[in-house]
C-alpha atoms as a PDB file:
ATOM      1  CA  UNK A   1      -2.964 -56.299  45.816  1.00  0.00           C
ATOM      2  CA  UNK A   2      -4.662 -53.469  47.666  1.00  0.00           C
ATOM      3  CA  UNK A   3      -3.146 -51.089  50.190  1.00  0.00           C
ATOM      4  CA  UNK A   4      -3.426 -52.427  53.739  1.00  0.00           C
ATOM      5  CA  UNK A   5      -4.607 -49.966  56.389  1.00  0.00           C
ATOM      6  CA  UNK A   6      -5.258 -50.233  60.101  1.00  0.00           C
ATOM      7  CA  UNK A   7      -9.007 -50.296  60.678  1.00  0.00           C
ATOM      8  CA  UNK A   8     -10.417 -49.233  64.056  1.00  0.00           C
ATOM      9  CA  UNK A   9     -13.586 -51.245  63.352  1.00  0.00           C
ATOM     10  CA  UNK A  10     -11.542 -54.448  63.161  1.00  0.00           C
ATOM     11  CA  UNK A  11      -8.291 -53.658  64.974  1.00  0.00           C
ATOM     12  CA  UNK A  12      -7.002 -57.185  65.578  1.00  0.00           C
ATOM     13  CA  UNK A  13      -7.677 -58.469  62.055  1.00  0.00           C
ATOM     14  CA  UNK A  14      -6.288 -55.375  60.340  1.00  0.00           C
ATOM     15  CA  UNK A  15      -3.207 -55.285  62.610  1.00  0.00           C
ATOM     16  CA  UNK A  16      -2.589 -58.971  61.859  1.00  0.00           C
ATOM     17  CA  UNK A  17      -2.897 -58.226  58.143  1.00  0.00           C
ATOM     18  CA  UNK A  18      -0.339 -55.396  58.425  1.00  0.00           C
ATOM     19  CA  UNK A  19       2.048 -57.570  60.436  1.00  0.00           C
ATOM     20  CA  UNK A  20       1.694 -60.360  57.891  1.00  0.00           C
ATOM     21  CA  UNK A  21       2.500 -57.835  55.167  1.00  0.00           C
ATOM     22  CA  UNK A  22       5.584 -56.309  56.792  1.00  0.00           C
ATOM     23  CA  UNK A  23       7.040 -59.640  57.926  1.00  0.00           C
ATOM     24  CA  UNK A  24       6.192 -61.957  55.037  1.00  0.00           C
ATOM     25  CA  UNK A  25       5.728 -59.680  51.996  1.00  0.00           C
ATOM     26  CA  UNK A  26       7.368 -56.317  52.789  1.00  0.00           C
ATOM     27  CA  UNK A  27       8.159 -55.475  49.168  1.00  0.00           C
ATOM     28  CA  UNK A  28       4.571 -56.073  48.146  1.00  0.00           C
ATOM     29  CA  UNK A  29       3.323 -54.191  51.220  1.00  0.00           C
ATOM     30  CA  UNK A  30       5.212 -51.035  50.284  1.00  0.00           C
ATOM     31  CA  UNK A  31       4.636 -51.387  46.523  1.00  0.00           C
ATOM     32  CA  UNK A  32       0.913 -51.082  47.275  1.00  0.00           C
ATOM     33  CA  UNK A  33       1.294 -48.647  50.175  1.00  0.00           C
ATOM     34  CA  UNK A  34      -0.781 -45.476  49.957  1.00  0.00           C
ATOM     35  CA  UNK A  35       1.414 -42.737  51.439  1.00  0.00           C
ATOM     36  CA  UNK A  36      -1.438 -40.236  51.505  1.00  0.00           C
ATOM     37  CA  UNK A  37      -3.954 -41.154  54.116  1.00  0.00           C
ATOM     38  CA  UNK A  38      -5.179 -40.610  57.641  1.00  0.00           C
ATOM     39  CA  UNK A  39      -2.663 -40.192  60.444  1.00  0.00           C
ATOM     40  CA  UNK A  40      -5.170 -41.214  63.111  1.00  0.00           C
ATOM     41  CA  UNK A  41      -5.153 -44.888  62.120  1.00  0.00           C
ATOM     42  CA  UNK A  42      -1.357 -44.953  61.850  1.00  0.00           C
ATOM     43  CA  UNK A  43      -1.021 -43.432  65.331  1.00  0.00           C
ATOM     44  CA  UNK A  44      -3.524 -45.928  66.763  1.00  0.00           C
ATOM     45  CA  UNK A  45      -1.609 -48.780  65.117  1.00  0.00           C
ATOM     46  CA  UNK A  46       1.632 -47.609  66.777  1.00  0.00           C
ATOM     47  CA  UNK A  47      -0.213 -47.366  70.104  1.00  0.00           C
ATOM     48  CA  UNK A  48      -1.625 -50.892  69.718  1.00  0.00           C
ATOM     49  CA  UNK A  49       1.704 -52.447  68.748  1.00  0.00           C
ATOM     50  CA  UNK A  50       3.481 -50.592  71.569  1.00  0.00           C
ATOM     51  CA  UNK A  51       0.830 -51.730  74.067  1.00  0.00           C
ATOM     52  CA  UNK A  52       1.105 -55.382  73.007  1.00  0.00           C
ATOM     53  CA  UNK A  53       4.895 -55.234  73.185  1.00  0.00           C
ATOM     54  CA  UNK A  54       4.763 -53.393  76.532  1.00  0.00           C
ATOM     55  CA  UNK A  55       2.404 -55.944  78.098  1.00  0.00           C
ATOM     56  CA  UNK A  56       4.474 -58.876  76.834  1.00  0.00           C
ATOM     57  CA  UNK A  57       7.656 -57.212  78.085  1.00  0.00           C
ATOM     58  CA  UNK A  58       6.092 -56.676  81.501  1.00  0.00           C
ATOM     59  CA  UNK A  59       5.078 -60.350  81.638  1.00  0.00           C
ATOM     60  CA  UNK A  60       8.602 -61.485  80.691  1.00  0.00           C
ATOM     61  CA  UNK A  61      10.047 -59.211  83.371  1.00  0.00           C
ATOM     62  CA  UNK A  62       7.604 -60.560  85.966  1.00  0.00           C
ATOM     63  CA  UNK A  63       8.495 -64.151  85.112  1.00  0.00           C
ATOM     64  CA  UNK A  64      12.215 -63.342  85.187  1.00  0.00           C
ATOM     65  CA  UNK A  65      11.848 -61.571  88.541  1.00  0.00           C
ATOM     66  CA  UNK A  66       9.915 -64.523  90.006  1.00  0.00           C
ATOM     67  CA  UNK A  67      12.484 -67.050  88.754  1.00  0.00           C
ATOM     68  CA  UNK A  68      15.496 -65.045  89.880  1.00  0.00           C
ATOM     69  CA  UNK A  69      13.971 -64.199  93.247  1.00  0.00           C
ATOM     70  CA  UNK A  70      14.130 -60.447  92.672  1.00  0.00           C
ATOM     71  CA  UNK A  71      10.375 -59.839  92.705  1.00  0.00           C
ATOM     72  CA  UNK A  72       9.828 -56.267  93.802  1.00  0.00           C
ATOM     73  CA  UNK A  73      13.381 -55.087  93.098  1.00  0.00           C
ATOM     74  CA  UNK A  74      12.996 -52.430  90.439  1.00  0.00           C
ATOM     75  CA  UNK A  75       9.753 -54.039  89.278  1.00  0.00           C
ATOM     76  CA  UNK A  76       7.795 -50.828  89.677  1.00  0.00           C
ATOM     77  CA  UNK A  77      10.372 -49.103  87.502  1.00  0.00           C
ATOM     78  CA  UNK A  78      10.095 -51.847  84.878  1.00  0.00           C
ATOM     79  CA  UNK A  79       6.318 -51.440  84.797  1.00  0.00           C
ATOM     80  CA  UNK A  80       6.681 -47.642  84.550  1.00  0.00           C
ATOM     81  CA  UNK A  81       9.075 -47.994  81.608  1.00  0.00           C
ATOM     82  CA  UNK A  82       6.636 -50.353  79.832  1.00  0.00           C
ATOM     83  CA  UNK A  83       3.759 -47.925  80.356  1.00  0.00           C
ATOM     84  CA  UNK A  84       5.951 -45.056  79.113  1.00  0.00           C
ATOM     85  CA  UNK A  85       6.941 -47.107  76.040  1.00  0.00           C
ATOM     86  CA  UNK A  86       3.275 -47.690  75.250  1.00  0.00           C
ATOM     87  CA  UNK A  87       2.099 -44.130  75.793  1.00  0.00           C
ATOM     88  CA  UNK A  88       5.091 -42.452  74.166  1.00  0.00           C
ATOM     89  CA  UNK A  89       5.322 -44.854  71.196  1.00  0.00           C
ATOM     90  CA  UNK A  90       3.514 -42.512  68.766  1.00  0.00           C
ATOM     91  CA  UNK A  91       5.660 -39.587  69.925  1.00  0.00           C
ATOM     92  CA  UNK A  92       8.880 -41.582  69.441  1.00  0.00           C
ATOM     93  CA  UNK A  93       7.751 -42.576  65.950  1.00  0.00           C
ATOM     94  CA  UNK A  94       7.007 -38.898  65.342  1.00  0.00           C
ATOM     95  CA  UNK A  95      10.513 -37.838  66.329  1.00  0.00           C
ATOM     96  CA  UNK A  96      12.067 -40.583  64.195  1.00  0.00           C
ATOM     97  CA  UNK A  97       9.824 -39.499  61.300  1.00  0.00           C
ATOM     98  CA  UNK A  98      11.323 -36.030  61.537  1.00  0.00           C
ATOM     99  CA  UNK A  99      14.803 -37.471  60.983  1.00  0.00           C
ATOM    100  CA  UNK A 100      13.576 -39.488  58.002  1.00  0.00           C
ATOM    101  CA  UNK A 101      11.741 -36.486  56.554  1.00  0.00           C
ATOM    102  CA  UNK A 102      14.939 -34.419  56.617  1.00  0.00           C
ATOM    103  CA  UNK A 103      16.697 -37.261  54.845  1.00  0.00           C
ATOM    104  CA  UNK A 104      13.921 -37.655  52.256  1.00  0.00           C
ATOM    105  CA  UNK A 105      13.926 -33.930  51.535  1.00  0.00           C
ATOM    106  CA  UNK A 106      17.721 -33.908  51.234  1.00  0.00           C
ATOM    107  CA  UNK A 107      18.174 -36.906  48.941  1.00  0.00           C
ATOM    108  CA  UNK A 108      14.850 -37.267  47.116  1.00  0.00           C
ATOM    109  CA  UNK A 109      13.343 -33.796  46.993  1.00  0.00           C
ATOM    110  CA  UNK A 110      10.463 -31.722  48.293  1.00  0.00           C
ATOM    111  CA  UNK A 111       7.678 -34.189  47.438  1.00  0.00           C
ATOM    112  CA  UNK A 112       8.027 -35.980  50.795  1.00  0.00           C
ATOM    113  CA  UNK A 113       5.700 -34.770  53.551  1.00  0.00           C
ATOM    114  CA  UNK A 114       5.697 -35.425  57.280  1.00  0.00           C
ATOM    115  CA  UNK A 115       2.370 -37.344  57.262  1.00  0.00           C
ATOM    116  CA  UNK A 116       3.652 -39.617  54.463  1.00  0.00           C
ATOM    117  CA  UNK A 117       6.857 -40.427  56.309  1.00  0.00           C
ATOM    118  CA  UNK A 118       5.010 -40.883  59.611  1.00  0.00           C
ATOM    119  CA  UNK A 119       2.601 -43.356  57.984  1.00  0.00           C
ATOM    120  CA  UNK A 120       5.491 -45.294  56.401  1.00  0.00           C
ATOM    121  CA  UNK A 121       7.335 -45.546  59.711  1.00  0.00           C
ATOM    122  CA  UNK A 122       4.170 -46.199  61.741  1.00  0.00           C
ATOM    123  CA  UNK A 123       3.375 -49.320  59.746  1.00  0.00           C
ATOM    124  CA  UNK A 124       7.042 -50.366  59.795  1.00  0.00           C
ATOM    125  CA  UNK A 125       6.818 -49.961  63.585  1.00  0.00           C
ATOM    126  CA  UNK A 126       4.748 -53.131  63.536  1.00  0.00           C
ATOM    127  CA  UNK A 127       8.097 -54.893  63.983  1.00  0.00           C
ATOM    128  CA  UNK A 128       8.089 -53.402  67.498  1.00  0.00           C
ATOM    129  CA  UNK A 129       5.736 -56.229  68.395  1.00  0.00           C
ATOM    130  CA  UNK A 130       8.992 -58.224  68.821  1.00  0.00           C
ATOM    131  CA  UNK A 131      10.697 -55.684  71.109  1.00  0.00           C
ATOM    132  CA  UNK A 132       9.731 -57.690  74.215  1.00  0.00           C
ATOM    133  CA  UNK A 133      11.921 -60.644  73.212  1.00  0.00           C
ATOM    134  CA  UNK A 134      15.347 -60.249  74.858  1.00  0.00           C
ATOM    135  CA  UNK A 135      18.124 -60.121  72.296  1.00  0.00           C
ATOM    136  CA  UNK A 136      15.730 -59.707  69.372  1.00  0.00           C
ATOM    137  CA  UNK A 137      14.706 -56.105  70.025  1.00  0.00           C
ATOM    138  CA  UNK A 138      17.767 -54.582  68.303  1.00  0.00           C
ATOM    139  CA  UNK A 139      17.182 -56.727  65.213  1.00  0.00           C
ATOM    140  CA  UNK A 140      13.474 -55.821  65.175  1.00  0.00           C
ATOM    141  CA  UNK A 141      14.343 -52.130  65.496  1.00  0.00           C
ATOM    142  CA  UNK A 142      16.819 -52.359  62.610  1.00  0.00           C
ATOM    143  CA  UNK A 143      14.335 -54.285  60.494  1.00  0.00           C
ATOM    144  CA  UNK A 144      11.663 -51.626  61.068  1.00  0.00           C
ATOM    145  CA  UNK A 145      13.766 -48.501  60.784  1.00  0.00           C
ATOM    146  CA  UNK A 146      16.285 -49.544  58.156  1.00  0.00           C
ATOM    147  CA  UNK A 147      15.000 -52.437  56.046  1.00  0.00           C
ATOM    148  CA  UNK A 148      11.304 -51.541  55.965  1.00  0.00           C
ATOM    149  CA  UNK A 149      11.978 -47.808  55.657  1.00  0.00           C
ATOM    150  CA  UNK A 150      14.378 -48.518  52.785  1.00  0.00           C
ATOM    151  CA  UNK A 151      11.589 -50.428  51.021  1.00  0.00           C
ATOM    152  CA  UNK A 152       9.037 -47.744  51.873  1.00  0.00           C
ATOM    153  CA  UNK A 153      11.222 -44.921  50.585  1.00  0.00           C
ATOM    154  CA  UNK A 154      12.148 -46.855  47.456  1.00  0.00           C
ATOM    155  CA  UNK A 155       8.623 -47.807  46.441  1.00  0.00           C
ATOM    156  CA  UNK A 156       6.606 -44.832  47.706  1.00  0.00           C
ATOM    157  CA  UNK A 157       8.941 -42.268  46.132  1.00  0.00           C
ATOM    158  CA  UNK A 158       9.876 -44.513  43.169  1.00  0.00           C
ATOM    159  CA  UNK A 159      13.602 -44.000  43.588  1.00  0.00           C
ATOM    160  CA  UNK A 160      16.663 -46.158  42.992  1.00  0.00           C
ATOM    161  CA  UNK A 161      17.871 -48.709  45.502  1.00  0.00           C
ATOM    162  CA  UNK A 162      21.050 -46.715  46.218  1.00  0.00           C
ATOM    163  CA  UNK A 163      19.174 -43.454  46.802  1.00  0.00           C
ATOM    164  CA  UNK A 164      16.679 -45.239  49.063  1.00  0.00           C
ATOM    165  CA  UNK A 165      19.524 -46.932  50.963  1.00  0.00           C
ATOM    166  CA  UNK A 166      21.383 -43.664  51.598  1.00  0.00           C
ATOM    167  CA  UNK A 167      18.145 -41.908  52.548  1.00  0.00           C
ATOM    168  CA  UNK A 168      17.147 -44.695  54.947  1.00  0.00           C
ATOM    169  CA  UNK A 169      20.637 -44.857  56.499  1.00  0.00           C
ATOM    170  CA  UNK A 170      20.740 -41.107  57.126  1.00  0.00           C
ATOM    171  CA  UNK A 171      17.362 -41.340  58.917  1.00  0.00           C
ATOM    172  CA  UNK A 172      18.341 -44.560  60.694  1.00  0.00           C
ATOM    173  CA  UNK A 173      21.511 -43.265  62.375  1.00  0.00           C
ATOM    174  CA  UNK A 174      19.931 -40.510  64.545  1.00  0.00           C
ATOM    175  CA  UNK A 175      16.891 -42.703  65.205  1.00  0.00           C
ATOM    176  CA  UNK A 176      19.036 -45.605  66.412  1.00  0.00           C
ATOM    177  CA  UNK A 177      21.160 -43.322  68.605  1.00  0.00           C
ATOM    178  CA  UNK A 178      17.999 -41.942  70.211  1.00  0.00           C
ATOM    179  CA  UNK A 179      16.621 -45.485  70.600  1.00  0.00           C
ATOM    180  CA  UNK A 180      19.814 -46.585  72.390  1.00  0.00           C
ATOM    181  CA  UNK A 181      19.638 -43.538  74.661  1.00  0.00           C
ATOM    182  CA  UNK A 182      16.009 -44.326  75.485  1.00  0.00           C
ATOM    183  CA  UNK A 183      16.932 -47.922  76.339  1.00  0.00           C
ATOM    184  CA  UNK A 184      19.784 -46.715  78.560  1.00  0.00           C
ATOM    185  CA  UNK A 185      17.393 -44.310  80.272  1.00  0.00           C
ATOM    186  CA  UNK A 186      14.990 -47.196  80.870  1.00  0.00           C
ATOM    187  CA  UNK A 187      17.789 -49.318  82.333  1.00  0.00           C
ATOM    188  CA  UNK A 188      18.817 -46.438  84.585  1.00  0.00           C
ATOM    189  CA  UNK A 189      15.239 -45.764  85.759  1.00  0.00           C
ATOM    190  CA  UNK A 190      14.566 -49.427  86.544  1.00  0.00           C
ATOM    191  CA  UNK A 191      17.808 -49.854  88.438  1.00  0.00           C
ATOM    192  CA  UNK A 192      18.634 -52.948  86.405  1.00  0.00           C
ATOM    193  CA  UNK A 193      22.087 -51.626  85.593  1.00  0.00           C
ATOM    194  CA  UNK A 194      24.586 -54.479  85.392  1.00  0.00           C
ATOM    195  CA  UNK A 195      27.143 -54.427  88.205  1.00  0.00           C
ATOM    196  CA  UNK A 196      30.406 -52.626  87.419  1.00  0.00           C
ATOM    197  CA  UNK A 197      33.891 -54.107  87.680  1.00  0.00           C
END
């Protein structure tokens, strides 16, 4: 099997191929993953996935607001958060990649580079296409940043399962804390804070 890359000449087909790989054959995807490669395509893939998820999230919020009779209440904030999620997606992946790079360098050695880790996480970020589904976003985040990164680290750096697990966990913890803080910030900005006791 060949390495699957995002292709700007055929964005939908190549994105679908990547998503098929990370969801249905993740081991095979990362066994054939080429860590060295262009960052531009990885960044554009993150932007595309974030945009799709942001648009779907906005639609779900619009439908929910129409059904619940709260159309207009915090809706502008919800739309702003979805736009921010889309635009800042590559930056968020970049920050998370920094945490994983520190972990890779600590537990595996100096052969890991920032572009390699960014590319691994960028393609794992394909799971963010499910972030718009209420209740599933935490599972999708964990799948991308723990399960897929574990596989990526294991097969790209040809390390043991235990080393890859520890490395992925050490990168996952700060990334998940930051992700939770970003979600809380989004809830605060939109004014959709649940009522207190």
